Amino acid sequence: MKKKTAISVTEAARNFAECVNLVRYRNFTFVLLKNGSPVARLSPPEEKVCRGSDLAEVLARVKLSREEAVAWNRDLKRARKSLRMPASKWE
């Protein structure tokens, strides 16, 4: 089970070894806050994140037929309507 916790940068600094152990052995992710705003994340290295640039790079190599491209565009528009942006860019 993955656990995500928001902590201050000061708290992370004071308990850095404990935070690293929780990340490594218990699969925790820490969102580090500075003045209440997220500034960094401490997470396991195997955590996969797909960014828009990653997707664009893969799609640039894919050759779609006209029908597939139309279906992809339709599905993408439908997905965008159903997705909500997270309250924080760190979530």
PDB file of N, CA and C in Angstrom:
ATOM      1  N   MET A   1       0.848  -1.172   0.000  1.00  0.00           N
ATOM      2  CA  MET A   1       0.000   0.000   0.000  1.00  0.00           C
ATOM      3  C   MET A   1       0.894   1.236   0.000  1.00  0.00           C
ATOM      4  N   LYS A   2       0.596   2.155  -0.880  1.00  0.00           N
ATOM      5  CA  LYS A   2       1.369   3.392  -0.973  1.00  0.00           C
ATOM      6  C   LYS A   2       0.726   4.439  -0.076  1.00  0.00           C
ATOM      7  N   LYS A   3       1.562   5.123   0.687  1.00  0.00           N
ATOM      8  CA  LYS A   3       1.068   6.164   1.581  1.00  0.00           C
ATOM      9  C   LYS A   3       1.721   7.479   1.209  1.00  0.00           C
ATOM     10  N   LYS A   4       0.924   8.543   1.151  1.00  0.00           N
ATOM     11  CA  LYS A   4       1.431   9.874   0.815  1.00  0.00           C
ATOM     12  C   LYS A   4       1.177  10.797   1.993  1.00  0.00           C
ATOM     13  N   THR A   5       2.222  11.495   2.389  1.00  0.00           N
ATOM     14  CA  THR A   5       2.146  12.383   3.531  1.00  0.00           C
ATOM     15  C   THR A   5       2.783  13.715   3.182  1.00  0.00           C
ATOM     16  N   ALA A   6       2.124  14.797   3.566  1.00  0.00           N
ATOM     17  CA  ALA A   6       2.694  16.133   3.385  1.00  0.00           C
ATOM     18  C   ALA A   6       3.366  16.539   4.693  1.00  0.00           C
ATOM     19  N   ILE A   7       4.642  16.948   4.587  1.00  0.00           N
ATOM     20  CA  ILE A   7       5.374  17.411   5.765  1.00  0.00           C
ATOM     21  C   ILE A   7       6.178  18.653   5.401  1.00  0.00           C
ATOM     22  N   SER A   8       6.521  19.433   6.410  1.00  0.00           N
ATOM     23  CA  SER A   8       7.313  20.636   6.157  1.00  0.00           C
ATOM     24  C   SER A   8       8.753  20.244   5.824  1.00  0.00           C
ATOM     25  N   VAL A   9       9.435  21.114   5.106  1.00  0.00           N
ATOM     26  CA  VAL A   9      10.843  20.895   4.783  1.00  0.00           C
ATOM     27  C   VAL A   9      11.649  20.786   6.079  1.00  0.00           C
ATOM     28  N   THR A  10      11.321  21.602   7.065  1.00  0.00           N
ATOM     29  CA  THR A  10      12.023  21.561   8.349  1.00  0.00           C
ATOM     30  C   THR A  10      11.851  20.207   9.017  1.00  0.00           C
ATOM     31  N   GLU A  11      10.629  19.699   9.046  1.00  0.00           N
ATOM     32  CA  GLU A  11      10.364  18.391   9.645  1.00  0.00           C
ATOM     33  C   GLU A  11      11.103  17.288   8.889  1.00  0.00           C
ATOM     34  N   ALA A  12      11.124  17.378   7.570  1.00  0.00           N
ATOM     35  CA  ALA A  12      11.850  16.393   6.767  1.00  0.00           C
ATOM     36  C   ALA A  12      13.342  16.437   7.069  1.00  0.00           C
ATOM     37  N   ALA A  13      13.890  17.631   7.215  1.00  0.00           N
ATOM     38  CA  ALA A  13      15.314  17.771   7.510  1.00  0.00           C
ATOM     39  C   ALA A  13      15.650  17.186   8.880  1.00  0.00           C
ATOM     40  N   ARG A  14      14.798  17.439   9.846  1.00  0.00           N
ATOM     41  CA  ARG A  14      15.038  16.940  11.206  1.00  0.00           C
ATOM     42  C   ARG A  14      14.934  15.414  11.284  1.00  0.00           C
ATOM     43  N   ASN A  15      14.126  14.830  10.418  1.00  0.00           N
ATOM     44  CA  ASN A  15      13.869  13.383  10.458  1.00  0.00           C
ATOM     45  C   ASN A  15      14.215  12.711   9.136  1.00  0.00           C
ATOM     46  N   PHE A  16      15.269  13.222   8.485  1.00  0.00           N
ATOM     47  CA  PHE A  16      15.576  12.771   7.126  1.00  0.00           C
ATOM     48  C   PHE A  16      15.809  11.265   7.035  1.00  0.00           C
ATOM     49  N   ALA A  17      16.609  10.709   7.929  1.00  0.00           N
ATOM     50  CA  ALA A  17      16.899   9.269   7.877  1.00  0.00           C
ATOM     51  C   ALA A  17      15.621   8.450   8.035  1.00  0.00           C
ATOM     52  N   GLU A  18      14.750   8.862   8.937  1.00  0.00           N
ATOM     53  CA  GLU A  18      13.481   8.160   9.134  1.00  0.00           C
ATOM     54  C   GLU A  18      12.595   8.268   7.887  1.00  0.00           C
ATOM     55  N   CYS A  19      12.552   9.450   7.277  1.00  0.00           N
ATOM     56  CA  CYS A  19      11.767   9.633   6.048  1.00  0.00           C
ATOM     57  C   CYS A  19      12.288   8.728   4.935  1.00  0.00           C
ATOM     58  N   VAL A  20      13.612   8.690   4.776  1.00  0.00           N
ATOM     59  CA  VAL A  20      14.209   7.840   3.733  1.00  0.00           C
ATOM     60  C   VAL A  20      13.876   6.376   3.994  1.00  0.00           C
ATOM     61  N   ASN A  21      13.941   5.950   5.249  1.00  0.00           N
ATOM     62  CA  ASN A  21      13.605   4.560   5.563  1.00  0.00           C
ATOM     63  C   ASN A  21      12.138   4.248   5.271  1.00  0.00           C
ATOM     64  N   LEU A  22      11.246   5.177   5.582  1.00  0.00           N
ATOM     65  CA  LEU A  22       9.828   4.964   5.270  1.00  0.00           C
ATOM     66  C   LEU A  22       9.599   4.879   3.765  1.00  0.00           C
ATOM     67  N   VAL A  23      10.313   5.693   3.009  1.00  0.00           N
ATOM     68  CA  VAL A  23      10.200   5.648   1.549  1.00  0.00           C
ATOM     69  C   VAL A  23      10.704   4.305   1.036  1.00  0.00           C
ATOM     70  N   ARG A  24      11.869   3.903   1.521  1.00  0.00           N
ATOM     71  CA  ARG A  24      12.495   2.682   1.003  1.00  0.00           C
ATOM     72  C   ARG A  24      11.768   1.411   1.421  1.00  0.00           C
ATOM     73  N   TYR A  25      11.436   1.290   2.703  1.00  0.00           N
ATOM     74  CA  TYR A  25      10.925   0.030   3.219  1.00  0.00           C
ATOM     75  C   TYR A  25       9.408  -0.058   3.321  1.00  0.00           C
ATOM     76  N   ARG A  26       8.731   1.083   3.350  1.00  0.00           N
ATOM     77  CA  ARG A  26       7.280   1.040   3.512  1.00  0.00           C
ATOM     78  C   ARG A  26       6.537   1.723   2.383  1.00  0.00           C
ATOM     79  N   ASN A  27       7.283   2.109   1.324  1.00  0.00           N
ATOM     80  CA  ASN A  27       6.672   2.664   0.116  1.00  0.00           C
ATOM     81  C   ASN A  27       5.927   3.980   0.351  1.00  0.00           C
ATOM     82  N   PHE A  28       6.423   4.773   1.299  1.00  0.00           N
ATOM     83  CA  PHE A  28       5.829   6.086   1.554  1.00  0.00           C
ATOM     84  C   PHE A  28       6.264   7.072   0.469  1.00  0.00           C
ATOM     85  N   THR A  29       5.466   8.097   0.277  1.00  0.00           N
ATOM     86  CA  THR A  29       5.835   9.257  -0.527  1.00  0.00           C
ATOM     87  C   THR A  29       5.573  10.489   0.335  1.00  0.00           C
ATOM     88  N   PHE A  30       6.569  11.354   0.407  1.00  0.00           N
ATOM     89  CA  PHE A  30       6.426  12.595   1.167  1.00  0.00           C
ATOM     90  C   PHE A  30       6.385  13.774   0.210  1.00  0.00           C
ATOM     91  N   VAL A  31       5.409  14.645   0.394  1.00  0.00           N
ATOM     92  CA  VAL A  31       5.347  15.918  -0.314  1.00  0.00           C
ATOM     93  C   VAL A  31       5.887  16.948   0.658  1.00  0.00           C
ATOM     94  N   LEU A  32       6.977  17.604   0.270  1.00  0.00           N
ATOM     95  CA  LEU A  32       7.635  18.557   1.158  1.00  0.00           C
ATOM     96  C   LEU A  32       7.062  19.958   0.953  1.00  0.00           C
ATOM     97  N   LEU A  33       6.688  20.584   2.050  1.00  0.00           N
ATOM     98  CA  LEU A  33       6.043  21.899   2.018  1.00  0.00           C
ATOM     99  C   LEU A  33       6.971  22.975   2.553  1.00  0.00           C
ATOM    100  N   LYS A  34       7.007  24.090   1.873  1.00  0.00           N
ATOM    101  CA  LYS A  34       7.744  25.279   2.336  1.00  0.00           C
ATOM    102  C   LYS A  34       6.711  26.399   2.438  1.00  0.00           C
ATOM    103  N   ASN A  35       6.526  26.923   3.632  1.00  0.00           N
ATOM    104  CA  ASN A  35       5.486  27.937   3.879  1.00  0.00           C
ATOM    105  C   ASN A  35       4.115  27.452   3.421  1.00  0.00           C
ATOM    106  N   GLY A  36       3.858  26.158   3.595  1.00  0.00           N
ATOM    107  CA  GLY A  36       2.563  25.590   3.268  1.00  0.00           C
ATOM    108  C   GLY A  36       2.363  25.221   1.816  1.00  0.00           C
ATOM    109  N   SER A  37       3.342  25.499   0.957  1.00  0.00           N
ATOM    110  CA  SER A  37       3.218  25.181  -0.472  1.00  0.00           C
ATOM    111  C   SER A  37       4.141  24.026  -0.846  1.00  0.00           C
ATOM    112  N   PRO A  38       3.664  23.112  -1.677  1.00  0.00           N
ATOM    113  CA  PRO A  38       4.496  21.982  -2.101  1.00  0.00           C
ATOM    114  C   PRO A  38       5.692  22.465  -2.922  1.00  0.00           C
ATOM    115  N   VAL A  39       6.892  21.945  -2.585  1.00  0.00           N
ATOM    116  CA  VAL A  39       8.099  22.336  -3.308  1.00  0.00           C
ATOM    117  C   VAL A  39       8.887  21.133  -3.825  1.00  0.00           C
ATOM    118  N   ALA A  40       8.663  19.947  -3.250  1.00  0.00           N
ATOM    119  CA  ALA A  40       9.417  18.769  -3.672  1.00  0.00           C
ATOM    120  C   ALA A  40       8.688  17.515  -3.221  1.00  0.00           C
ATOM    121  N   ARG A  41       9.177  16.389  -3.756  1.00  0.00           N
ATOM    122  CA  ARG A  41       8.594  15.099  -3.400  1.00  0.00           C
ATOM    123  C   ARG A  41       9.736  14.121  -3.117  1.00  0.00           C
ATOM    124  N   LEU A  42       9.589  13.334  -2.070  1.00  0.00           N
ATOM    125  CA  LEU A  42      10.518  12.267  -1.743  1.00  0.00           C
ATOM    126  C   LEU A  42       9.740  10.970  -1.916  1.00  0.00           C
ATOM    127  N   SER A  43      10.120  10.190  -2.943  1.00  0.00           N
ATOM    128  CA  SER A  43       9.338   8.997  -3.265  1.00  0.00           C
ATOM    129  C   SER A  43      10.249   7.864  -3.721  1.00  0.00           C
ATOM    130  N   PRO A  44       9.737   6.626  -3.720  1.00  0.00           N
ATOM    131  CA  PRO A  44      10.532   5.488  -4.165  1.00  0.00           C
ATOM    132  C   PRO A  44      10.951   5.665  -5.625  1.00  0.00           C
ATOM    133  N   PRO A  45      12.135   5.182  -5.999  1.00  0.00           N
ATOM    134  CA  PRO A  45      12.615   5.368  -7.364  1.00  0.00           C
ATOM    135  C   PRO A  45      11.797   4.626  -8.410  1.00  0.00           C
ATOM    136  N   GLU A  46      11.134   3.550  -8.037  1.00  0.00           N
ATOM    137  CA  GLU A  46      10.369   2.789  -9.020  1.00  0.00           C
ATOM    138  C   GLU A  46       9.008   3.395  -9.341  1.00  0.00           C
ATOM    139  N   GLU A  47       8.673   4.493  -8.671  1.00  0.00           N
ATOM    140  CA  GLU A  47       7.411   5.162  -8.957  1.00  0.00           C
ATOM    141  C   GLU A  47       7.452   5.693 -10.385  1.00  0.00           C
ATOM    142  N   LYS A  48       6.503   5.295 -11.196  1.00  0.00           N
ATOM    143  CA  LYS A  48       6.452   5.700 -12.595  1.00  0.00           C
ATOM    144  C   LYS A  48       5.575   6.940 -12.738  1.00  0.00           C
ATOM    145  N   VAL A  49       6.087   7.891 -13.464  1.00  0.00           N
ATOM    146  CA  VAL A  49       5.336   9.108 -13.745  1.00  0.00           C
ATOM    147  C   VAL A  49       5.382   9.329 -15.242  1.00  0.00           C
ATOM    148  N   CYS A  50       4.229   9.500 -15.843  1.00  0.00           N
ATOM    149  CA  CYS A  50       4.153   9.771 -17.279  1.00  0.00           C
ATOM    150  C   CYS A  50       3.761  11.230 -17.458  1.00  0.00           C
ATOM    151  N   ARG A  51       4.646  11.974 -18.058  1.00  0.00           N
ATOM    152  CA  ARG A  51       4.376  13.392 -18.310  1.00  0.00           C
ATOM    153  C   ARG A  51       3.867  13.553 -19.737  1.00  0.00           C
ATOM    154  N   GLY A  52       3.305  14.686 -20.013  1.00  0.00           N
ATOM    155  CA  GLY A  52       2.802  14.954 -21.358  1.00  0.00           C
ATOM    156  C   GLY A  52       3.896  14.840 -22.400  1.00  0.00           C
ATOM    157  N   SER A  53       5.105  15.285 -22.056  1.00  0.00           N
ATOM    158  CA  SER A  53       6.217  15.197 -23.010  1.00  0.00           C
ATOM    159  C   SER A  53       6.593  13.745 -23.297  1.00  0.00           C
ATOM    160  N   ASP A  54       6.459  12.863 -22.292  1.00  0.00           N
ATOM    161  CA  ASP A  54       6.718  11.435 -22.505  1.00  0.00           C
ATOM    162  C   ASP A  54       5.711  10.858 -23.494  1.00  0.00           C
ATOM    163  N   LEU A  55       4.453  11.199 -23.302  1.00  0.00           N
ATOM    164  CA  LEU A  55       3.403  10.713 -24.188  1.00  0.00           C
ATOM    165  C   LEU A  55       3.593  11.245 -25.606  1.00  0.00           C
ATOM    166  N   ALA A  56       3.925  12.517 -25.732  1.00  0.00           N
ATOM    167  CA  ALA A  56       4.134  13.113 -27.056  1.00  0.00           C
ATOM    168  C   ALA A  56       5.289  12.420 -27.787  1.00  0.00           C
ATOM    169  N   GLU A  57       6.348  12.080 -27.050  1.00  0.00           N
ATOM    170  CA  GLU A  57       7.501  11.405 -27.652  1.00  0.00           C
ATOM    171  C   GLU A  57       7.119  10.024 -28.187  1.00  0.00           C
ATOM    172  N   VAL A  58       6.340   9.287 -27.425  1.00  0.00           N
ATOM    173  CA  VAL A  58       5.892   7.956 -27.863  1.00  0.00           C
ATOM    174  C   VAL A  58       4.959   8.075 -29.057  1.00  0.00           C
ATOM    175  N   LEU A  59       4.029   9.006 -28.971  1.00  0.00           N
ATOM    176  CA  LEU A  59       3.056   9.163 -30.060  1.00  0.00           C
ATOM    177  C   LEU A  59       3.719   9.604 -31.360  1.00  0.00           C
ATOM    178  N   ALA A  60       4.817  10.335 -31.266  1.00  0.00           N
ATOM    179  CA  ALA A  60       5.525  10.785 -32.467  1.00  0.00           C
ATOM    180  C   ALA A  60       6.085   9.597 -33.254  1.00  0.00           C
ATOM    181  N   ARG A  61       6.337   8.493 -32.566  1.00  0.00           N
ATOM    182  CA  ARG A  61       6.891   7.305 -33.229  1.00  0.00           C
ATOM    183  C   ARG A  61       5.819   6.354 -33.746  1.00  0.00           C
ATOM    184  N   VAL A  62       4.560   6.573 -33.375  1.00  0.00           N
ATOM    185  CA  VAL A  62       3.473   5.671 -33.750  1.00  0.00           C
ATOM    186  C   VAL A  62       2.840   6.151 -35.057  1.00  0.00           C
ATOM    187  N   LYS A  63       2.658   5.227 -35.960  1.00  0.00           N
ATOM    188  CA  LYS A  63       1.984   5.536 -37.229  1.00  0.00           C
ATOM    189  C   LYS A  63       0.558   4.993 -37.163  1.00  0.00           C
ATOM    190  N   LEU A  64      -0.398   5.905 -37.152  1.00  0.00           N
ATOM    191  CA  LEU A  64      -1.808   5.524 -37.095  1.00  0.00           C
ATOM    192  C   LEU A  64      -2.452   5.698 -38.464  1.00  0.00           C
ATOM    193  N   SER A  65      -3.382   4.794 -38.752  1.00  0.00           N
ATOM    194  CA  SER A  65      -4.185   4.984 -39.963  1.00  0.00           C
ATOM    195  C   SER A  65      -5.127   6.152 -39.708  1.00  0.00           C
ATOM    196  N   ARG A  66      -5.747   6.636 -40.744  1.00  0.00           N
ATOM    197  CA  ARG A  66      -6.693   7.761 -40.588  1.00  0.00           C
ATOM    198  C   ARG A  66      -7.798   7.401 -39.605  1.00  0.00           C
ATOM    199  N   GLU A  67      -8.333   6.200 -39.718  1.00  0.00           N
ATOM    200  CA  GLU A  67      -9.425   5.765 -38.829  1.00  0.00           C
ATOM    201  C   GLU A  67      -8.946   5.694 -37.376  1.00  0.00           C
ATOM    202  N   GLU A  68      -7.736   5.176 -37.180  1.00  0.00           N
ATOM    203  CA  GLU A  68      -7.189   5.090 -35.827  1.00  0.00           C
ATOM    204  C   GLU A  68      -6.947   6.487 -35.248  1.00  0.00           C
ATOM    205  N   ALA A  69      -6.460   7.397 -36.065  1.00  0.00           N
ATOM    206  CA  ALA A  69      -6.208   8.764 -35.613  1.00  0.00           C
ATOM    207  C   ALA A  69      -7.509   9.455 -35.220  1.00  0.00           C
ATOM    208  N   VAL A  70      -8.559   9.251 -35.994  1.00  0.00           N
ATOM    209  CA  VAL A  70      -9.866   9.837 -35.681  1.00  0.00           C
ATOM    210  C   VAL A  70     -10.392   9.255 -34.374  1.00  0.00           C
ATOM    211  N   ALA A  71     -10.266   7.930 -34.208  1.00  0.00           N
ATOM    212  CA  ALA A  71     -10.726   7.276 -32.976  1.00  0.00           C
ATOM    213  C   ALA A  71      -9.913   7.763 -31.769  1.00  0.00           C
ATOM    214  N   TRP A  72      -8.602   7.898 -31.947  1.00  0.00           N
ATOM    215  CA  TRP A  72      -7.730   8.389 -30.869  1.00  0.00           C
ATOM    216  C   TRP A  72      -8.157   9.796 -30.446  1.00  0.00           C
ATOM    217  N   ASN A  73      -8.378  10.666 -31.411  1.00  0.00           N
ATOM    218  CA  ASN A  73      -8.784  12.039 -31.124  1.00  0.00           C
ATOM    219  C   ASN A  73     -10.125  12.061 -30.388  1.00  0.00           C
ATOM    220  N   ARG A  74     -11.059  11.248 -30.834  1.00  0.00           N
ATOM    221  CA  ARG A  74     -12.375  11.176 -30.186  1.00  0.00           C
ATOM    222  C   ARG A  74     -12.227  10.700 -28.739  1.00  0.00           C
ATOM    223  N   ASP A  75     -11.450   9.634 -28.533  1.00  0.00           N
ATOM    224  CA  ASP A  75     -11.262   9.090 -27.193  1.00  0.00           C
ATOM    225  C   ASP A  75     -10.544  10.081 -26.279  1.00  0.00           C
ATOM    226  N   LEU A  76      -9.567  10.792 -26.829  1.00  0.00           N
ATOM    227  CA  LEU A  76      -8.830  11.777 -26.049  1.00  0.00           C
ATOM    228  C   LEU A  76      -9.762  12.908 -25.596  1.00  0.00           C
ATOM    229  N   LYS A  77     -10.593  13.391 -26.488  1.00  0.00           N
ATOM    230  CA  LYS A  77     -11.547  14.453 -26.121  1.00  0.00           C
ATOM    231  C   LYS A  77     -12.504  13.977 -25.039  1.00  0.00           C
ATOM    232  N   ARG A  78     -12.978  12.747 -25.173  1.00  0.00           N
ATOM    233  CA  ARG A  78     -13.895  12.174 -24.180  1.00  0.00           C
ATOM    234  C   ARG A  78     -13.194  12.044 -22.824  1.00  0.00           C
ATOM    235  N   ALA A  79     -11.960  11.593 -22.829  1.00  0.00           N
ATOM    236  CA  ALA A  79     -11.214  11.438 -21.574  1.00  0.00           C
ATOM    237  C   ALA A  79     -10.972  12.788 -20.913  1.00  0.00           C
ATOM    238  N   ARG A  80     -10.617  13.795 -21.699  1.00  0.00           N
ATOM    239  CA  ARG A  80     -10.358  15.128 -21.134  1.00  0.00           C
ATOM    240  C   ARG A  80     -11.596  15.688 -20.442  1.00  0.00           C
ATOM    241  N   LYS A  81     -12.780  15.393 -20.987  1.00  0.00           N
ATOM    242  CA  LYS A  81     -14.011  15.888 -20.369  1.00  0.00           C
ATOM    243  C   LYS A  81     -14.283  15.208 -19.032  1.00  0.00           C
ATOM    244  N   SER A  82     -13.860  13.949 -18.894  1.00  0.00           N
ATOM    245  CA  SER A  82     -14.175  13.200 -17.682  1.00  0.00           C
ATOM    246  C   SER A  82     -13.122  13.359 -16.592  1.00  0.00           C
ATOM    247  N   LEU A  83     -11.923  13.837 -16.939  1.00  0.00           N
ATOM    248  CA  LEU A  83     -10.855  13.979 -15.951  1.00  0.00           C
ATOM    249  C   LEU A  83     -10.917  15.331 -15.262  1.00  0.00           C
ATOM    250  N   ARG A  84     -10.521  15.340 -13.998  1.00  0.00           N
ATOM    251  CA  ARG A  84     -10.437  16.588 -13.242  1.00  0.00           C
ATOM    252  C   ARG A  84      -8.990  16.820 -12.867  1.00  0.00           C
ATOM    253  N   MET A  85      -8.591  18.069 -12.874  1.00  0.00           N
ATOM    254  CA  MET A  85      -7.251  18.418 -12.438  1.00  0.00           C
ATOM    255  C   MET A  85      -7.163  18.205 -10.925  1.00  0.00           C
ATOM    256  N   PRO A  86      -6.021  17.719 -10.434  1.00  0.00           N
ATOM    257  CA  PRO A  86      -5.868  17.578  -8.983  1.00  0.00           C
ATOM    258  C   PRO A  86      -5.853  18.952  -8.321  1.00  0.00           C
ATOM    259  N   ALA A  87      -6.244  18.980  -7.066  1.00  0.00           N
ATOM    260  CA  ALA A  87      -6.252  20.244  -6.327  1.00  0.00           C
ATOM    261  C   ALA A  87      -4.851  20.822  -6.223  1.00  0.00           C
ATOM    262  N   SER A  88      -3.871  19.931  -6.183  1.00  0.00           N
ATOM    263  CA  SER A  88      -2.470  20.342  -6.106  1.00  0.00           C
ATOM    264  C   SER A  88      -1.693  19.649  -7.211  1.00  0.00           C
ATOM    265  N   LYS A  89      -0.742  20.330  -7.812  1.00  0.00           N
ATOM    266  CA  LYS A  89       0.040  19.694  -8.866  1.00  0.00           C
ATOM    267  C   LYS A  89       0.923  18.592  -8.317  1.00  0.00           C
ATOM    268  N   TRP A  90       1.007  18.453  -7.005  1.00  0.00           N
ATOM    269  CA  TRP A  90       1.830  17.418  -6.380  1.00  0.00           C
ATOM    270  C   TRP A  90       1.042  16.167  -6.104  1.00  0.00           C
ATOM    271  N   GLU A  91      -0.205  16.107  -6.450  1.00  0.00           N
ATOM    272  CA  GLU A  91      -1.014  14.918  -6.215  1.00  0.00           C
ATOM    273  C   GLU A  91      -1.215  14.146  -7.485  1.00  0.00           C
TER     274      GLU A  91
END
